[in-house]
Amino acid sequence: MQISYNKLWKLLIDKNMKKKDLRIAANLSPSLITKLGNNESVTVETLLRICEALNCNIGDVVDVVSGVEDK
């Protein structure tokens, strides 16, 4: 299984925000934004900070994509 943050990027578009705006609002490092962009795992704490900044739930920003072979 793999993680997808496509919902997060769509939510940013809907809120007329850029990745830099999210980084500042959620107090994220540039490397965390890169991890999100590469659909890599991040901590639940990071996801909660994003959700707090965007006033949403975790399910609004992340999806688990099945059908992809585990490494």
N, C-alpha and C. Protein backbone atom coordinates (compact mmCIF):
# COMPACT_ATOMS: atom_id res chain seq x y z
N MET A 1 0.84 -1.19 0.00
CA MET A 1 0.00 0.00 0.00
C MET A 1 0.88 1.25 0.00
N GLN A 2 0.32 2.30 -0.53
CA GLN A 2 1.07 3.54 -0.64
C GLN A 2 0.19 4.70 -0.18
N ILE A 3 0.84 5.76 0.27
CA ILE A 3 0.14 6.96 0.73
C ILE A 3 0.08 7.96 -0.41
N SER A 4 -1.06 8.64 -0.52
CA SER A 4 -1.21 9.70 -1.52
C SER A 4 -1.71 10.97 -0.83
N TYR A 5 -1.07 12.07 -1.15
CA TYR A 5 -1.48 13.37 -0.61
C TYR A 5 -2.18 14.22 -1.66
N ASN A 6 -2.73 13.59 -2.70
CA ASN A 6 -3.44 14.34 -3.75
C ASN A 6 -4.58 15.16 -3.18
N LYS A 7 -5.26 14.63 -2.17
CA LYS A 7 -6.35 15.39 -1.54
C LYS A 7 -5.84 16.68 -0.92
N LEU A 8 -4.64 16.62 -0.34
CA LEU A 8 -4.04 17.83 0.25
C LEU A 8 -3.81 18.88 -0.81
N TRP A 9 -3.24 18.49 -1.94
CA TRP A 9 -2.94 19.47 -2.99
C TRP A 9 -4.23 20.06 -3.58
N LYS A 10 -5.27 19.24 -3.71
CA LYS A 10 -6.55 19.75 -4.19
C LYS A 10 -7.17 20.72 -3.19
N LEU A 11 -7.02 20.40 -1.89
CA LEU A 11 -7.53 21.27 -0.84
C LEU A 11 -6.82 22.62 -0.86
N LEU A 12 -5.51 22.60 -1.09
CA LEU A 12 -4.76 23.86 -1.17
C LEU A 12 -5.25 24.70 -2.34
N ILE A 13 -5.53 24.06 -3.47
CA ILE A 13 -6.06 24.78 -4.62
C ILE A 13 -7.40 25.40 -4.27
N ASP A 14 -8.27 24.62 -3.62
CA ASP A 14 -9.59 25.13 -3.23
C ASP A 14 -9.49 26.32 -2.28
N LYS A 15 -8.47 26.31 -1.43
CA LYS A 15 -8.28 27.38 -0.46
C LYS A 15 -7.38 28.50 -1.00
N ASN A 16 -7.01 28.37 -2.28
CA ASN A 16 -6.16 29.36 -2.94
C ASN A 16 -4.85 29.57 -2.17
N MET A 17 -4.25 28.45 -1.78
CA MET A 17 -2.99 28.48 -1.04
C MET A 17 -1.91 27.80 -1.85
N LYS A 18 -0.68 28.19 -1.59
CA LYS A 18 0.48 27.56 -2.19
C LYS A 18 1.16 26.70 -1.13
N LYS A 19 2.08 25.84 -1.56
CA LYS A 19 2.81 25.00 -0.62
C LYS A 19 3.54 25.85 0.41
N LYS A 20 4.06 26.98 -0.02
CA LYS A 20 4.76 27.87 0.90
C LYS A 20 3.81 28.39 1.99
N ASP A 21 2.58 28.71 1.60
CA ASP A 21 1.58 29.16 2.58
C ASP A 21 1.30 28.07 3.61
N LEU A 22 1.17 26.84 3.14
CA LEU A 22 0.95 25.72 4.04
C LEU A 22 2.14 25.54 4.97
N ARG A 23 3.33 25.63 4.42
CA ARG A 23 4.55 25.47 5.22
C ARG A 23 4.58 26.46 6.37
N ILE A 24 4.22 27.70 6.08
CA ILE A 24 4.23 28.74 7.11
C ILE A 24 3.08 28.53 8.10
N ALA A 25 1.89 28.26 7.60
CA ALA A 25 0.70 28.12 8.47
C ALA A 25 0.83 26.93 9.42
N ALA A 26 1.42 25.83 8.95
CA ALA A 26 1.52 24.63 9.76
C ALA A 26 2.90 24.48 10.40
N ASN A 27 3.77 25.46 10.19
CA ASN A 27 5.13 25.44 10.75
C ASN A 27 5.88 24.17 10.33
N LEU A 28 5.91 23.93 9.03
CA LEU A 28 6.57 22.76 8.47
C LEU A 28 7.91 23.14 7.87
N SER A 29 8.83 22.21 7.87
CA SER A 29 10.13 22.46 7.23
C SER A 29 10.00 22.22 5.73
N PRO A 30 10.90 22.81 4.96
CA PRO A 30 10.89 22.55 3.52
C PRO A 30 11.05 21.07 3.19
N SER A 31 11.82 20.34 4.00
CA SER A 31 12.01 18.91 3.74
C SER A 31 10.71 18.13 3.94
N LEU A 32 9.86 18.56 4.87
CA LEU A 32 8.56 17.91 5.06
C LEU A 32 7.65 18.14 3.86
N ILE A 33 7.69 19.34 3.32
CA ILE A 33 6.90 19.64 2.11
C ILE A 33 7.37 18.75 0.96
N THR A 34 8.68 18.54 0.87
CA THR A 34 9.23 17.66 -0.16
C THR A 34 8.76 16.24 0.03
N LYS A 35 8.76 15.75 1.28
CA LYS A 35 8.27 14.40 1.56
C LYS A 35 6.81 14.25 1.16
N LEU A 36 6.01 15.26 1.46
CA LEU A 36 4.60 15.23 1.07
C LEU A 36 4.48 15.19 -0.46
N GLY A 37 5.28 16.00 -1.13
CA GLY A 37 5.25 16.04 -2.59
C GLY A 37 5.64 14.73 -3.23
N ASN A 38 6.47 13.95 -2.52
CA ASN A 38 6.90 12.64 -3.02
C ASN A 38 6.05 11.49 -2.49
N ASN A 39 4.93 11.83 -1.83
CA ASN A 39 4.03 10.82 -1.24
C ASN A 39 4.76 9.88 -0.29
N GLU A 40 5.67 10.45 0.52
CA GLU A 40 6.38 9.67 1.52
C GLU A 40 5.66 9.79 2.86
N SER A 41 5.91 8.85 3.74
CA SER A 41 5.28 8.85 5.06
C SER A 41 5.76 10.02 5.90
N VAL A 42 4.83 10.60 6.65
CA VAL A 42 5.15 11.63 7.63
C VAL A 42 4.46 11.24 8.93
N THR A 43 4.81 11.89 10.02
CA THR A 43 4.23 11.53 11.31
C THR A 43 2.79 12.00 11.41
N VAL A 44 2.07 11.37 12.30
CA VAL A 44 0.68 11.78 12.56
C VAL A 44 0.68 13.20 13.11
N GLU A 45 1.68 13.55 13.91
CA GLU A 45 1.79 14.91 14.44
C GLU A 45 1.84 15.93 13.30
N THR A 46 2.60 15.63 12.27
CA THR A 46 2.69 16.51 11.10
C THR A 46 1.33 16.64 10.43
N LEU A 47 0.65 15.53 10.26
CA LEU A 47 -0.68 15.55 9.63
C LEU A 47 -1.66 16.36 10.47
N LEU A 48 -1.57 16.24 11.78
CA LEU A 48 -2.46 17.01 12.66
C LEU A 48 -2.18 18.50 12.57
N ARG A 49 -0.90 18.88 12.45
CA ARG A 49 -0.58 20.31 12.29
C ARG A 49 -1.13 20.84 10.97
N ILE A 50 -1.05 20.04 9.92
CA ILE A 50 -1.61 20.43 8.63
C ILE A 50 -3.12 20.60 8.75
N CYS A 51 -3.76 19.62 9.38
CA CYS A 51 -5.22 19.67 9.54
C CYS A 51 -5.65 20.87 10.37
N GLU A 52 -4.90 21.19 11.39
CA GLU A 52 -5.22 22.36 12.22
C GLU A 52 -5.09 23.64 11.40
N ALA A 53 -4.05 23.72 10.60
CA ALA A 53 -3.82 24.92 9.79
C ALA A 53 -4.89 25.08 8.71
N LEU A 54 -5.39 23.96 8.19
CA LEU A 54 -6.38 24.00 7.10
C LEU A 54 -7.81 23.81 7.60
N ASN A 55 -7.96 23.58 8.90
CA ASN A 55 -9.28 23.37 9.51
C ASN A 55 -10.01 22.21 8.82
N CYS A 56 -9.36 21.04 8.83
CA CYS A 56 -9.93 19.86 8.19
C CYS A 56 -9.56 18.61 8.98
N ASN A 57 -9.94 17.45 8.49
CA ASN A 57 -9.62 16.16 9.10
C ASN A 57 -8.53 15.46 8.30
N ILE A 58 -7.89 14.48 8.93
CA ILE A 58 -6.82 13.75 8.26
C ILE A 58 -7.31 13.12 6.95
N GLY A 59 -8.52 12.60 6.95
CA GLY A 59 -9.07 12.00 5.73
C GLY A 59 -9.23 12.98 4.59
N ASP A 60 -9.19 14.28 4.91
CA ASP A 60 -9.30 15.30 3.88
C ASP A 60 -7.96 15.57 3.18
N VAL A 61 -6.86 15.05 3.75
CA VAL A 61 -5.54 15.36 3.18
C VAL A 61 -4.75 14.14 2.75
N VAL A 62 -5.12 12.95 3.22
CA VAL A 62 -4.33 11.76 2.90
C VAL A 62 -5.24 10.61 2.50
N ASP A 63 -4.74 9.78 1.58
CA ASP A 63 -5.43 8.58 1.14
C ASP A 63 -4.44 7.43 1.17
N VAL A 64 -4.92 6.24 1.46
CA VAL A 64 -4.11 5.04 1.32
C VAL A 64 -4.53 4.40 0.01
N VAL A 65 -3.58 4.25 -0.88
CA VAL A 65 -3.85 3.73 -2.22
C VAL A 65 -3.50 2.24 -2.23
N SER A 66 -4.49 1.42 -2.50
CA SER A 66 -4.24 -0.02 -2.58
C SER A 66 -3.92 -0.42 -4.01
N GLY A 67 -3.50 -1.65 -4.16
CA GLY A 67 -3.18 -2.13 -5.50
C GLY A 67 -1.75 -1.85 -5.89
N VAL A 68 -0.98 -1.22 -5.00
CA VAL A 68 0.44 -0.98 -5.25
C VAL A 68 1.21 -1.96 -4.39
N GLU A 69 2.12 -2.69 -4.98
CA GLU A 69 2.88 -3.70 -4.25
C GLU A 69 3.77 -3.07 -3.21
N ASP A 70 3.78 -3.66 -2.01
CA ASP A 70 4.69 -3.20 -0.95
C ASP A 70 6.12 -3.51 -1.36
N LYS A 71 7.04 -2.65 -0.91
CA LYS A 71 8.46 -2.87 -1.22
C LYS A 71 9.05 -3.90 -0.28
